Amino acid sequence: MRSTLQGVALLFGAALVLLALGLAYGEVARFNDPCFAYNADGDGDGVVRASPSEACPAVGGTSETKTEALLRLAFINGLGALAGVCAIVGALRSRSAFLAAASGLLLILTLPLLLGFGWFLTLGASLVFLAAARDVQVMDNRDRVGRAVTRAVGFTGAFLLALLIGSTAYGLFTHGATPGGYLVVVLLQAGLLGLFPTLSWMPWAPPPHRPGDS
């Protein structure tokens, strides 16, 4: 029987797959757009040096090449879609290993996003998948594979937390004063990352007693 957390993880997984594939499709469709240039000469200021025409009243572009764009899509969108698929399978089949794997994949995806804004979405979804995995393990405390993957997610979260603290401390020592808003964001990131080892390493509760059990 699926729990509420598994249902939420199922919805998050489906939304993640649709979002990752939808964004990838929009990017790939732009490859043949004559009004958008890859490997464009922006002189470092982001302005494309191209003249509008009748066919293209507005010209856009990026310094990124198509190969670089494909590699980025394969890593970010591919990883996101894979995490969504793992979450869907784990929620439907009550497999904590798949749910924990989805959480770990999103944690890896969070690393390049920590300096932007997408980290909040990936960390939030990752925590939902991890909580759902632990919820499944409460019902089946013999799930050794799920436990192993969950512990690995905890180590990954602890590593990212240490990396975040280290980079922030280095910035403070080398650059001196830091904007207060930045420190608030770092504290929020540290708090969320700290939940991963906490959830992953907390003791496993025994399965609930069922009628007829001896």
N, C-alpha and C. Protein backbone atom coordinates (compact mmCIF):
# COMPACT_ATOMS: atom_id res chain seq x y z
N MET A 1 0.83 -1.19 0.00
CA MET A 1 0.00 0.00 0.00
C MET A 1 0.88 1.25 0.00
N ARG A 2 0.60 2.16 -0.90
CA ARG A 2 1.41 3.36 -1.02
C ARG A 2 0.97 4.40 0.01
N SER A 3 1.96 5.11 0.55
CA SER A 3 1.70 6.14 1.54
C SER A 3 1.53 7.49 0.85
N THR A 4 1.20 8.49 1.67
CA THR A 4 1.07 9.84 1.13
C THR A 4 2.38 10.34 0.56
N LEU A 5 3.49 10.04 1.26
CA LEU A 5 4.80 10.47 0.78
C LEU A 5 5.13 9.84 -0.57
N GLN A 6 4.75 8.57 -0.75
CA GLN A 6 4.99 7.93 -2.04
C GLN A 6 4.15 8.59 -3.14
N GLY A 7 2.93 8.97 -2.79
CA GLY A 7 2.09 9.67 -3.77
C GLY A 7 2.68 11.01 -4.18
N VAL A 8 3.21 11.75 -3.18
CA VAL A 8 3.86 13.03 -3.48
C VAL A 8 5.11 12.80 -4.33
N ALA A 9 5.89 11.76 -4.00
CA ALA A 9 7.09 11.45 -4.78
C ALA A 9 6.72 11.08 -6.21
N LEU A 10 5.60 10.38 -6.39
CA LEU A 10 5.15 10.03 -7.74
C LEU A 10 4.82 11.28 -8.55
N LEU A 11 4.12 12.22 -7.94
CA LEU A 11 3.79 13.47 -8.64
C LEU A 11 5.05 14.28 -8.96
N PHE A 12 5.97 14.36 -8.00
CA PHE A 12 7.21 15.08 -8.22
C PHE A 12 8.02 14.42 -9.34
N GLY A 13 8.05 13.09 -9.35
CA GLY A 13 8.81 12.39 -10.38
C GLY A 13 8.24 12.63 -11.77
N ALA A 14 6.91 12.56 -11.88
CA ALA A 14 6.27 12.80 -13.18
C ALA A 14 6.52 14.23 -13.65
N ALA A 15 6.40 15.20 -12.73
CA ALA A 15 6.64 16.60 -13.09
C ALA A 15 8.09 16.81 -13.51
N LEU A 16 9.01 16.12 -12.85
CA LEU A 16 10.43 16.26 -13.17
C LEU A 16 10.73 15.74 -14.57
N VAL A 17 10.14 14.60 -14.91
CA VAL A 17 10.36 14.03 -16.26
C VAL A 17 9.80 14.97 -17.32
N LEU A 18 8.58 15.46 -17.11
CA LEU A 18 7.97 16.36 -18.09
C LEU A 18 8.76 17.66 -18.23
N LEU A 19 9.23 18.20 -17.12
CA LEU A 19 9.99 19.44 -17.16
C LEU A 19 11.32 19.25 -17.88
N ALA A 20 12.03 18.17 -17.54
CA ALA A 20 13.35 17.93 -18.15
C ALA A 20 13.22 17.71 -19.65
N LEU A 21 12.25 16.89 -20.05
CA LEU A 21 12.09 16.60 -21.48
C LEU A 21 11.55 17.82 -22.24
N GLY A 22 10.64 18.56 -21.61
CA GLY A 22 10.09 19.75 -22.26
C GLY A 22 11.15 20.81 -22.51
N LEU A 23 11.99 21.07 -21.51
CA LEU A 23 13.07 22.05 -21.67
C LEU A 23 14.09 21.58 -22.70
N ALA A 24 14.38 20.28 -22.70
CA ALA A 24 15.33 19.74 -23.68
C ALA A 24 14.78 19.88 -25.10
N TYR A 25 13.49 19.60 -25.27
CA TYR A 25 12.88 19.72 -26.59
C TYR A 25 12.94 21.16 -27.09
N GLY A 26 12.64 22.11 -26.20
CA GLY A 26 12.68 23.51 -26.59
C GLY A 26 14.08 23.95 -27.00
N GLU A 27 15.09 23.41 -26.31
CA GLU A 27 16.48 23.76 -26.65
C GLU A 27 16.90 23.15 -27.99
N VAL A 28 16.57 21.87 -28.18
CA VAL A 28 16.95 21.19 -29.43
C VAL A 28 16.23 21.81 -30.62
N ALA A 29 14.96 22.19 -30.44
CA ALA A 29 14.20 22.80 -31.53
C ALA A 29 14.83 24.11 -31.98
N ARG A 30 15.60 24.75 -31.11
CA ARG A 30 16.24 26.02 -31.44
C ARG A 30 17.51 25.83 -32.27
N PHE A 31 17.98 24.58 -32.37
CA PHE A 31 19.21 24.32 -33.13
C PHE A 31 19.07 24.74 -34.59
N ASN A 32 17.88 24.59 -35.16
CA ASN A 32 17.66 24.93 -36.57
C ASN A 32 16.97 26.28 -36.76
N ASP A 33 16.94 27.06 -35.70
CA ASP A 33 16.33 28.39 -35.78
C ASP A 33 17.31 29.36 -36.44
N PRO A 34 16.99 29.88 -37.62
CA PRO A 34 17.92 30.79 -38.30
C PRO A 34 18.09 32.13 -37.57
N CYS A 35 17.20 32.41 -36.63
CA CYS A 35 17.28 33.67 -35.91
C CYS A 35 18.02 33.54 -34.57
N PHE A 36 18.61 32.35 -34.34
CA PHE A 36 19.37 32.14 -33.10
C PHE A 36 20.70 31.53 -33.47
N ALA A 37 21.78 32.14 -33.01
CA ALA A 37 23.12 31.71 -33.41
C ALA A 37 23.85 31.09 -32.22
N TYR A 38 24.45 29.93 -32.48
CA TYR A 38 25.34 29.31 -31.49
C TYR A 38 26.78 29.70 -31.84
N ASN A 39 27.63 29.68 -30.81
CA ASN A 39 29.03 30.09 -30.99
C ASN A 39 29.09 31.50 -31.56
N ALA A 40 28.18 32.35 -31.07
CA ALA A 40 28.10 33.72 -31.59
C ALA A 40 29.18 34.59 -30.95
N ASP A 41 29.56 35.63 -31.65
CA ASP A 41 30.56 36.56 -31.15
C ASP A 41 29.86 37.64 -30.34
N GLY A 42 29.94 37.49 -29.00
CA GLY A 42 29.30 38.48 -28.15
C GLY A 42 30.26 39.46 -27.52
N ASP A 43 31.56 39.31 -27.82
CA ASP A 43 32.59 40.20 -27.27
C ASP A 43 32.55 40.24 -25.74
N GLY A 44 32.03 39.15 -25.17
CA GLY A 44 32.04 39.03 -23.71
C GLY A 44 30.96 39.78 -22.99
N ASP A 45 30.11 40.53 -23.71
CA ASP A 45 29.07 41.29 -23.03
C ASP A 45 27.68 40.72 -23.25
N GLY A 46 27.60 39.57 -23.94
CA GLY A 46 26.32 38.91 -24.15
C GLY A 46 25.51 39.47 -25.29
N VAL A 47 26.05 40.47 -26.02
CA VAL A 47 25.33 41.07 -27.14
C VAL A 47 25.78 40.42 -28.43
N VAL A 48 24.85 39.89 -29.19
CA VAL A 48 25.17 39.20 -30.42
C VAL A 48 25.47 40.21 -31.52
N ARG A 49 26.61 40.03 -32.17
CA ARG A 49 26.99 40.94 -33.25
C ARG A 49 26.41 40.43 -34.57
N ALA A 50 25.14 40.64 -34.75
CA ALA A 50 24.45 40.24 -35.98
C ALA A 50 23.38 41.26 -36.28
N SER A 51 23.08 41.45 -37.56
CA SER A 51 22.11 42.46 -37.96
C SER A 51 20.76 41.81 -38.22
N PRO A 52 19.66 42.37 -37.71
CA PRO A 52 18.33 41.84 -38.01
C PRO A 52 18.03 41.96 -39.50
N SER A 53 17.13 41.10 -39.95
CA SER A 53 16.71 41.12 -41.34
C SER A 53 15.20 40.97 -41.38
N GLU A 54 14.65 40.91 -42.59
CA GLU A 54 13.21 40.73 -42.72
C GLU A 54 12.79 39.37 -42.17
N ALA A 55 13.62 38.36 -42.42
CA ALA A 55 13.30 37.01 -41.93
C ALA A 55 13.47 36.92 -40.42
N CYS A 56 14.40 37.69 -39.89
CA CYS A 56 14.67 37.66 -38.45
C CYS A 56 14.68 39.08 -37.90
N PRO A 57 13.53 39.59 -37.55
CA PRO A 57 13.49 40.96 -37.00
C PRO A 57 14.22 41.07 -35.66
N ALA A 58 14.33 39.94 -34.95
CA ALA A 58 15.07 39.92 -33.69
C ALA A 58 16.07 38.77 -33.75
N VAL A 59 17.33 39.08 -33.50
CA VAL A 59 18.39 38.08 -33.57
C VAL A 59 18.90 37.78 -32.17
N GLY A 60 19.00 36.48 -31.84
CA GLY A 60 19.52 36.07 -30.55
C GLY A 60 20.68 35.12 -30.73
N GLY A 61 21.41 34.87 -29.68
CA GLY A 61 22.53 33.96 -29.79
C GLY A 61 23.21 33.71 -28.47
N THR A 62 24.17 32.81 -28.49
CA THR A 62 24.93 32.46 -27.30
C THR A 62 26.34 32.09 -27.71
N SER A 63 27.28 32.28 -26.81
CA SER A 63 28.65 31.89 -27.09
C SER A 63 28.85 30.39 -27.00
N GLU A 64 27.86 29.70 -26.46
CA GLU A 64 27.91 28.24 -26.34
C GLU A 64 27.78 27.60 -27.71
N THR A 65 28.57 26.54 -27.96
CA THR A 65 28.44 25.80 -29.21
C THR A 65 27.32 24.78 -29.09
N LYS A 66 26.91 24.22 -30.23
CA LYS A 66 25.85 23.21 -30.19
C LYS A 66 26.32 21.96 -29.44
N THR A 67 27.60 21.63 -29.61
CA THR A 67 28.13 20.46 -28.88
C THR A 67 28.07 20.69 -27.38
N GLU A 68 28.46 21.88 -26.94
CA GLU A 68 28.40 22.21 -25.51
C GLU A 68 26.96 22.20 -25.02
N ALA A 69 26.04 22.69 -25.85
CA ALA A 69 24.63 22.68 -25.46
C ALA A 69 24.11 21.25 -25.31
N LEU A 70 24.50 20.38 -26.23
CA LEU A 70 24.07 18.97 -26.16
C LEU A 70 24.64 18.30 -24.90
N LEU A 71 25.89 18.58 -24.59
CA LEU A 71 26.49 17.99 -23.39
C LEU A 71 25.79 18.49 -22.14
N ARG A 72 25.45 19.78 -22.13
CA ARG A 72 24.73 20.33 -20.98
C ARG A 72 23.35 19.69 -20.84
N LEU A 73 22.66 19.53 -21.95
CA LEU A 73 21.34 18.90 -21.92
C LEU A 73 21.43 17.45 -21.47
N ALA A 74 22.46 16.75 -21.95
CA ALA A 74 22.62 15.34 -21.58
C ALA A 74 22.86 15.20 -20.08
N PHE A 75 23.64 16.14 -19.51
CA PHE A 75 23.94 16.05 -18.08
C PHE A 75 22.77 16.53 -17.23
N ILE A 76 22.34 17.77 -17.43
CA ILE A 76 21.33 18.36 -16.55
C ILE A 76 19.94 17.77 -16.82
N ASN A 77 19.48 17.86 -18.06
CA ASN A 77 18.14 17.36 -18.37
C ASN A 77 18.09 15.84 -18.31
N GLY A 78 19.15 15.19 -18.81
CA GLY A 78 19.17 13.73 -18.75
C GLY A 78 19.17 13.21 -17.34
N LEU A 79 19.98 13.84 -16.48
CA LEU A 79 20.03 13.43 -15.08
C LEU A 79 18.69 13.68 -14.39
N GLY A 80 18.08 14.82 -14.70
CA GLY A 80 16.78 15.13 -14.10
C GLY A 80 15.70 14.15 -14.53
N ALA A 81 15.68 13.80 -15.83
CA ALA A 81 14.70 12.84 -16.32
C ALA A 81 14.92 11.47 -15.70
N LEU A 82 16.19 11.05 -15.59
CA LEU A 82 16.49 9.76 -14.98
C LEU A 82 16.06 9.72 -13.52
N ALA A 83 16.29 10.81 -12.80
CA ALA A 83 15.84 10.88 -11.41
C ALA A 83 14.32 10.77 -11.32
N GLY A 84 13.63 11.44 -12.24
CA GLY A 84 12.17 11.35 -12.25
C GLY A 84 11.66 9.95 -12.51
N VAL A 85 12.30 9.26 -13.45
CA VAL A 85 11.90 7.88 -13.77
C VAL A 85 12.15 6.97 -12.55
N CYS A 86 13.29 7.14 -11.90
CA CYS A 86 13.58 6.33 -10.70
C CYS A 86 12.55 6.59 -9.61
N ALA A 87 12.15 7.84 -9.45
CA ALA A 87 11.16 8.17 -8.43
C ALA A 87 9.80 7.55 -8.76
N ILE A 88 9.43 7.59 -10.03
CA ILE A 88 8.14 7.00 -10.43
C ILE A 88 8.14 5.50 -10.17
N VAL A 89 9.22 4.81 -10.59
CA VAL A 89 9.30 3.36 -10.37
C VAL A 89 9.31 3.05 -8.88
N GLY A 90 10.08 3.81 -8.11
CA GLY A 90 10.14 3.56 -6.68
C GLY A 90 8.82 3.79 -5.97
N ALA A 91 8.09 4.81 -6.40
CA ALA A 91 6.80 5.11 -5.76
C ALA A 91 5.75 4.08 -6.14
N LEU A 92 5.73 3.67 -7.41
CA LEU A 92 4.72 2.71 -7.86
C LEU A 92 4.98 1.31 -7.33
N ARG A 93 6.26 0.94 -7.23
CA ARG A 93 6.62 -0.42 -6.81
C ARG A 93 7.03 -0.50 -5.34
N SER A 94 6.98 0.62 -4.63
CA SER A 94 7.41 0.66 -3.23
C SER A 94 8.83 0.13 -3.07
N ARG A 95 9.73 0.67 -3.87
CA ARG A 95 11.14 0.28 -3.85
C ARG A 95 11.96 1.47 -3.35
N SER A 96 12.44 1.35 -2.13
CA SER A 96 13.15 2.48 -1.53
C SER A 96 14.48 2.74 -2.23
N ALA A 97 15.09 1.71 -2.83
CA ALA A 97 16.37 1.91 -3.52
C ALA A 97 16.21 2.87 -4.69
N PHE A 98 15.10 2.75 -5.44
CA PHE A 98 14.86 3.64 -6.57
C PHE A 98 14.57 5.07 -6.09
N LEU A 99 13.80 5.18 -5.01
CA LEU A 99 13.51 6.51 -4.47
C LEU A 99 14.78 7.18 -3.95
N ALA A 100 15.62 6.41 -3.25
CA ALA A 100 16.87 6.98 -2.75
C ALA A 100 17.81 7.32 -3.89
N ALA A 101 17.81 6.49 -4.95
CA ALA A 101 18.65 6.80 -6.12
C ALA A 101 18.20 8.10 -6.77
N ALA A 102 16.88 8.31 -6.86
CA ALA A 102 16.36 9.57 -7.41
C ALA A 102 16.83 10.75 -6.58
N SER A 103 16.82 10.58 -5.26
CA SER A 103 17.29 11.64 -4.37
C SER A 103 18.77 11.93 -4.60
N GLY A 104 19.57 10.87 -4.74
CA GLY A 104 21.00 11.05 -4.95
C GLY A 104 21.31 11.71 -6.29
N LEU A 105 20.58 11.34 -7.33
CA LEU A 105 20.80 11.95 -8.64
C LEU A 105 20.52 13.45 -8.61
N LEU A 106 19.46 13.83 -7.91
CA LEU A 106 19.14 15.26 -7.82
C LEU A 106 20.17 15.99 -6.96
N LEU A 107 20.75 15.30 -5.98
CA LEU A 107 21.81 15.93 -5.19
C LEU A 107 23.02 16.24 -6.08
N ILE A 108 23.36 15.28 -6.95
CA ILE A 108 24.47 15.52 -7.88
C ILE A 108 24.13 16.68 -8.81
N LEU A 109 22.89 16.72 -9.25
CA LEU A 109 22.45 17.79 -10.14
C LEU A 109 22.45 19.15 -9.44
N THR A 110 22.32 19.15 -8.11
CA THR A 110 22.30 20.39 -7.35
C THR A 110 23.66 21.08 -7.35
N LEU A 111 24.74 20.31 -7.45
CA LEU A 111 26.09 20.87 -7.33
C LEU A 111 26.34 22.03 -8.29
N PRO A 112 26.07 21.89 -9.60
CA PRO A 112 26.31 23.03 -10.49
C PRO A 112 25.27 24.14 -10.37
N LEU A 113 24.21 23.89 -9.58
CA LEU A 113 23.13 24.88 -9.47
C LEU A 113 23.21 25.71 -8.19
N LEU A 114 24.17 25.40 -7.30
CA LEU A 114 24.22 26.07 -6.01
C LEU A 114 24.45 27.57 -6.13
N LEU A 115 25.09 28.01 -7.21
CA LEU A 115 25.35 29.44 -7.39
C LEU A 115 24.20 30.16 -8.08
N GLY A 116 23.19 29.41 -8.52
CA GLY A 116 22.05 30.02 -9.20
C GLY A 116 20.80 29.93 -8.35
N PHE A 117 19.67 29.69 -9.01
CA PHE A 117 18.39 29.63 -8.31
C PHE A 117 17.75 28.24 -8.36
N GLY A 118 18.20 27.39 -9.29
CA GLY A 118 17.57 26.09 -9.45
C GLY A 118 17.82 25.13 -8.31
N TRP A 119 18.81 25.44 -7.44
CA TRP A 119 19.16 24.53 -6.36
C TRP A 119 17.98 24.30 -5.42
N PHE A 120 17.12 25.30 -5.23
CA PHE A 120 16.00 25.16 -4.29
C PHE A 120 15.03 24.08 -4.75
N LEU A 121 14.77 24.02 -6.06
CA LEU A 121 13.86 23.01 -6.60
C LEU A 121 14.47 21.62 -6.51
N THR A 122 15.75 21.48 -6.88
CA THR A 122 16.37 20.16 -6.88
C THR A 122 16.55 19.63 -5.45
N LEU A 123 16.95 20.50 -4.53
CA LEU A 123 17.10 20.06 -3.14
C LEU A 123 15.75 19.69 -2.54
N GLY A 124 14.72 20.49 -2.83
CA GLY A 124 13.39 20.18 -2.29
C GLY A 124 12.86 18.85 -2.78
N ALA A 125 12.95 18.61 -4.10
CA ALA A 125 12.49 17.34 -4.65
C ALA A 125 13.33 16.19 -4.13
N SER A 126 14.64 16.40 -3.99
CA SER A 126 15.52 15.36 -3.48
C SER A 126 15.14 14.95 -2.06
N LEU A 127 14.80 15.93 -1.24
CA LEU A 127 14.37 15.63 0.13
C LEU A 127 13.06 14.86 0.16
N VAL A 128 12.14 15.20 -0.75
CA VAL A 128 10.87 14.47 -0.83
C VAL A 128 11.13 13.01 -1.19
N PHE A 129 12.00 12.76 -2.16
CA PHE A 129 12.30 11.38 -2.56
C PHE A 129 12.98 10.61 -1.44
N LEU A 130 13.89 11.28 -0.71
CA LEU A 130 14.57 10.61 0.39
C LEU A 130 13.60 10.28 1.53
N ALA A 131 12.70 11.22 1.84
CA ALA A 131 11.71 10.96 2.88
C ALA A 131 10.79 9.82 2.48
N ALA A 132 10.41 9.75 1.20
CA ALA A 132 9.57 8.65 0.72
C ALA A 132 10.31 7.33 0.82
N ALA A 133 11.62 7.35 0.53
CA ALA A 133 12.42 6.13 0.64
C ALA A 133 12.45 5.62 2.08
N ARG A 134 12.67 6.54 3.03
CA ARG A 134 12.66 6.14 4.43
C ARG A 134 11.29 5.64 4.87
N ASP A 135 10.23 6.22 4.31
CA ASP A 135 8.88 5.79 4.63
C ASP A 135 8.66 4.34 4.19
N VAL A 136 9.16 4.00 3.01
CA VAL A 136 9.05 2.61 2.53
C VAL A 136 9.85 1.68 3.42
N GLN A 137 11.01 2.12 3.87
CA GLN A 137 11.88 1.26 4.69
C GLN A 137 11.28 0.99 6.06
N VAL A 138 10.44 1.90 6.55
CA VAL A 138 9.76 1.65 7.82
C VAL A 138 8.85 0.43 7.71
N MET A 139 8.24 0.25 6.52
CA MET A 139 7.35 -0.88 6.31
C MET A 139 8.12 -2.17 6.02
N ASP A 140 9.38 -2.04 5.58
CA ASP A 140 10.18 -3.22 5.28
C ASP A 140 11.61 -2.95 5.74
N ASN A 141 11.88 -3.29 6.99
CA ASN A 141 13.20 -2.99 7.54
C ASN A 141 14.26 -4.00 7.10
N ARG A 142 13.90 -4.94 6.20
CA ARG A 142 14.89 -5.89 5.66
C ARG A 142 15.41 -5.45 4.30
N ASP A 143 15.07 -4.26 3.88
CA ASP A 143 15.48 -3.75 2.58
C ASP A 143 16.93 -3.26 2.65
N ARG A 144 17.87 -4.20 2.51
CA ARG A 144 19.29 -3.85 2.68
C ARG A 144 19.80 -2.99 1.53
N VAL A 145 19.35 -3.28 0.31
CA VAL A 145 19.80 -2.48 -0.83
C VAL A 145 19.34 -1.04 -0.68
N GLY A 146 18.08 -0.87 -0.30
CA GLY A 146 17.56 0.48 -0.09
C GLY A 146 18.32 1.22 0.99
N ARG A 147 18.67 0.52 2.06
CA ARG A 147 19.43 1.15 3.14
C ARG A 147 20.80 1.59 2.65
N ALA A 148 21.46 0.73 1.86
CA ALA A 148 22.79 1.07 1.37
C ALA A 148 22.75 2.31 0.48
N VAL A 149 21.76 2.37 -0.42
CA VAL A 149 21.64 3.54 -1.30
C VAL A 149 21.31 4.78 -0.48
N THR A 150 20.46 4.63 0.52
CA THR A 150 20.08 5.75 1.37
C THR A 150 21.29 6.30 2.12
N ARG A 151 22.14 5.39 2.64
CA ARG A 151 23.35 5.84 3.34
C ARG A 151 24.28 6.57 2.37
N ALA A 152 24.36 6.09 1.13
CA ALA A 152 25.20 6.75 0.14
C ALA A 152 24.69 8.17 -0.12
N VAL A 153 23.38 8.33 -0.16
CA VAL A 153 22.80 9.67 -0.33
C VAL A 153 23.18 10.56 0.85
N GLY A 154 23.17 9.99 2.05
CA GLY A 154 23.57 10.75 3.23
C GLY A 154 25.01 11.23 3.14
N PHE A 155 25.92 10.35 2.67
CA PHE A 155 27.32 10.75 2.50
C PHE A 155 27.44 11.84 1.44
N THR A 156 26.66 11.73 0.37
CA THR A 156 26.70 12.75 -0.68
C THR A 156 26.24 14.10 -0.15
N GLY A 157 25.15 14.09 0.63
CA GLY A 157 24.66 15.32 1.24
C GLY A 157 25.69 15.92 2.19
N ALA A 158 26.35 15.08 2.99
CA ALA A 158 27.37 15.57 3.92
C ALA A 158 28.56 16.16 3.16
N PHE A 159 28.93 15.52 2.03
CA PHE A 159 30.03 16.03 1.22
C PHE A 159 29.70 17.41 0.65
N LEU A 160 28.49 17.55 0.10
CA LEU A 160 28.08 18.84 -0.45
C LEU A 160 28.01 19.91 0.64
N LEU A 161 27.58 19.50 1.83
CA LEU A 161 27.52 20.44 2.96
C LEU A 161 28.92 20.92 3.32
N ALA A 162 29.87 19.97 3.40
CA ALA A 162 31.25 20.35 3.71
C ALA A 162 31.84 21.24 2.62
N LEU A 163 31.52 20.92 1.36
CA LEU A 163 32.01 21.72 0.24
C LEU A 163 31.45 23.14 0.31
N LEU A 164 30.17 23.25 0.64
CA LEU A 164 29.53 24.56 0.74
C LEU A 164 30.15 25.39 1.86
N ILE A 165 30.33 24.75 3.02
CA ILE A 165 30.91 25.47 4.17
C ILE A 165 32.35 25.89 3.86
N GLY A 166 33.10 24.97 3.23
CA GLY A 166 34.48 25.28 2.91
C GLY A 166 34.62 26.42 1.92
N SER A 167 33.80 26.40 0.87
CA SER A 167 33.88 27.46 -0.14
C SER A 167 33.43 28.80 0.44
N THR A 168 32.42 28.78 1.32
CA THR A 168 31.96 30.02 1.95
C THR A 168 33.01 30.59 2.88
N ALA A 169 33.64 29.71 3.67
CA ALA A 169 34.70 30.16 4.57
C ALA A 169 35.88 30.72 3.79
N TYR A 170 36.23 30.08 2.69
CA TYR A 170 37.32 30.57 1.85
C TYR A 170 36.99 31.95 1.28
N GLY A 171 35.75 32.13 0.84
CA GLY A 171 35.34 33.43 0.32
C GLY A 171 35.39 34.52 1.38
N LEU A 172 35.00 34.18 2.60
CA LEU A 172 35.03 35.17 3.68
C LEU A 172 36.46 35.58 4.02
N PHE A 173 37.38 34.60 4.04
CA PHE A 173 38.76 34.90 4.40
C PHE A 173 39.50 35.65 3.29
N THR A 174 39.14 35.36 2.05
CA THR A 174 39.88 35.97 0.93
C THR A 174 39.28 37.30 0.48
N HIS A 175 37.97 37.43 0.58
CA HIS A 175 37.31 38.63 0.07
C HIS A 175 36.78 39.55 1.17
N GLY A 176 36.89 39.12 2.41
CA GLY A 176 36.44 39.98 3.51
C GLY A 176 34.93 40.00 3.64
N ALA A 177 34.36 41.17 3.67
CA ALA A 177 32.91 41.33 3.88
C ALA A 177 32.11 40.66 2.78
N THR A 178 31.02 40.03 3.18
CA THR A 178 30.13 39.33 2.26
C THR A 178 28.72 39.88 2.45
N PRO A 179 27.97 40.10 1.36
CA PRO A 179 26.59 40.60 1.49
C PRO A 179 25.75 39.71 2.39
N GLY A 180 24.93 40.36 3.24
CA GLY A 180 24.11 39.59 4.17
C GLY A 180 23.15 38.65 3.48
N GLY A 181 22.61 39.08 2.34
CA GLY A 181 21.69 38.22 1.60
C GLY A 181 22.34 36.93 1.15
N TYR A 182 23.61 37.03 0.76
CA TYR A 182 24.34 35.82 0.34
C TYR A 182 24.49 34.85 1.51
N LEU A 183 24.81 35.38 2.70
CA LEU A 183 24.96 34.52 3.87
C LEU A 183 23.65 33.85 4.24
N VAL A 184 22.54 34.54 4.06
CA VAL A 184 21.23 33.94 4.34
C VAL A 184 20.98 32.76 3.41
N VAL A 185 21.32 32.93 2.13
CA VAL A 185 21.14 31.85 1.16
C VAL A 185 22.03 30.67 1.52
N VAL A 186 23.28 30.95 1.91
CA VAL A 186 24.21 29.87 2.28
C VAL A 186 23.69 29.12 3.51
N LEU A 187 23.17 29.85 4.49
CA LEU A 187 22.63 29.20 5.69
C LEU A 187 21.43 28.32 5.34
N LEU A 188 20.59 28.79 4.43
CA LEU A 188 19.45 28.00 4.00
C LEU A 188 19.91 26.74 3.27
N GLN A 189 20.89 26.88 2.39
CA GLN A 189 21.43 25.72 1.70
C GLN A 189 22.05 24.73 2.68
N ALA A 190 22.79 25.25 3.66
CA ALA A 190 23.43 24.38 4.65
C ALA A 190 22.39 23.64 5.48
N GLY A 191 21.31 24.35 5.84
CA GLY A 191 20.26 23.70 6.62
C GLY A 191 19.59 22.57 5.85
N LEU A 192 19.29 22.79 4.57
CA LEU A 192 18.66 21.75 3.75
C LEU A 192 19.62 20.58 3.53
N LEU A 193 20.88 20.88 3.24
CA LEU A 193 21.85 19.81 3.03
C LEU A 193 22.06 18.99 4.31
N GLY A 194 21.97 19.66 5.45
CA GLY A 194 22.14 18.95 6.71
C GLY A 194 21.04 17.94 6.97
N LEU A 195 19.89 18.10 6.32
CA LEU A 195 18.80 17.14 6.50
C LEU A 195 19.10 15.80 5.84
N PHE A 196 19.96 15.78 4.84
CA PHE A 196 20.24 14.53 4.13
C PHE A 196 20.95 13.50 5.00
N PRO A 197 22.09 13.83 5.62
CA PRO A 197 22.67 12.84 6.53
C PRO A 197 21.78 12.52 7.72
N THR A 198 21.00 13.52 8.18
CA THR A 198 20.10 13.28 9.31
C THR A 198 19.05 12.23 8.94
N LEU A 199 18.39 12.42 7.79
CA LEU A 199 17.37 11.46 7.35
C LEU A 199 17.98 10.11 7.00
N SER A 200 19.15 10.14 6.40
CA SER A 200 19.75 8.90 5.90
C SER A 200 20.31 8.02 7.00
N TRP A 201 20.86 8.64 8.05
CA TRP A 201 21.56 7.87 9.07
C TRP A 201 20.75 7.67 10.34
N MET A 202 19.56 8.25 10.43
CA MET A 202 18.76 8.04 11.63
C MET A 202 18.40 6.56 11.75
N PRO A 203 18.26 6.05 12.99
CA PRO A 203 17.98 4.62 13.18
C PRO A 203 16.73 4.17 12.45
N TRP A 204 16.78 2.96 11.92
CA TRP A 204 15.61 2.39 11.25
C TRP A 204 14.63 1.86 12.29
N ALA A 205 13.39 2.30 12.19
CA ALA A 205 12.36 1.84 13.13
C ALA A 205 11.91 0.44 12.73
N PRO A 206 11.51 -0.37 13.71
CA PRO A 206 10.99 -1.70 13.37
C PRO A 206 9.67 -1.58 12.61
N PRO A 207 9.34 -2.57 11.79
CA PRO A 207 8.07 -2.50 11.04
C PRO A 207 6.90 -2.55 12.00
N PRO A 208 5.79 -1.91 11.63
CA PRO A 208 4.63 -1.91 12.52
C PRO A 208 4.07 -3.33 12.69
N HIS A 209 3.52 -3.58 13.89
CA HIS A 209 2.94 -4.90 14.17
C HIS A 209 1.64 -5.06 13.41
N ARG A 210 1.50 -6.19 12.74
CA ARG A 210 0.29 -6.46 11.97
C ARG A 210 -0.51 -7.58 12.63
N PRO A 211 -1.82 -7.51 12.51
CA PRO A 211 -2.64 -8.59 13.09
C PRO A 211 -2.23 -9.94 12.54
N GLY A 212 -2.07 -10.89 13.41
CA GLY A 212 -1.69 -12.23 13.00
C GLY A 212 -0.22 -12.51 13.12
N ASP A 213 0.61 -11.44 13.32
CA ASP A 213 2.04 -11.67 13.52
C ASP A 213 2.27 -12.29 14.87
N SER A 214 3.19 -13.18 14.91
CA SER A 214 3.48 -13.86 16.18
C SER A 214 4.41 -13.03 17.02
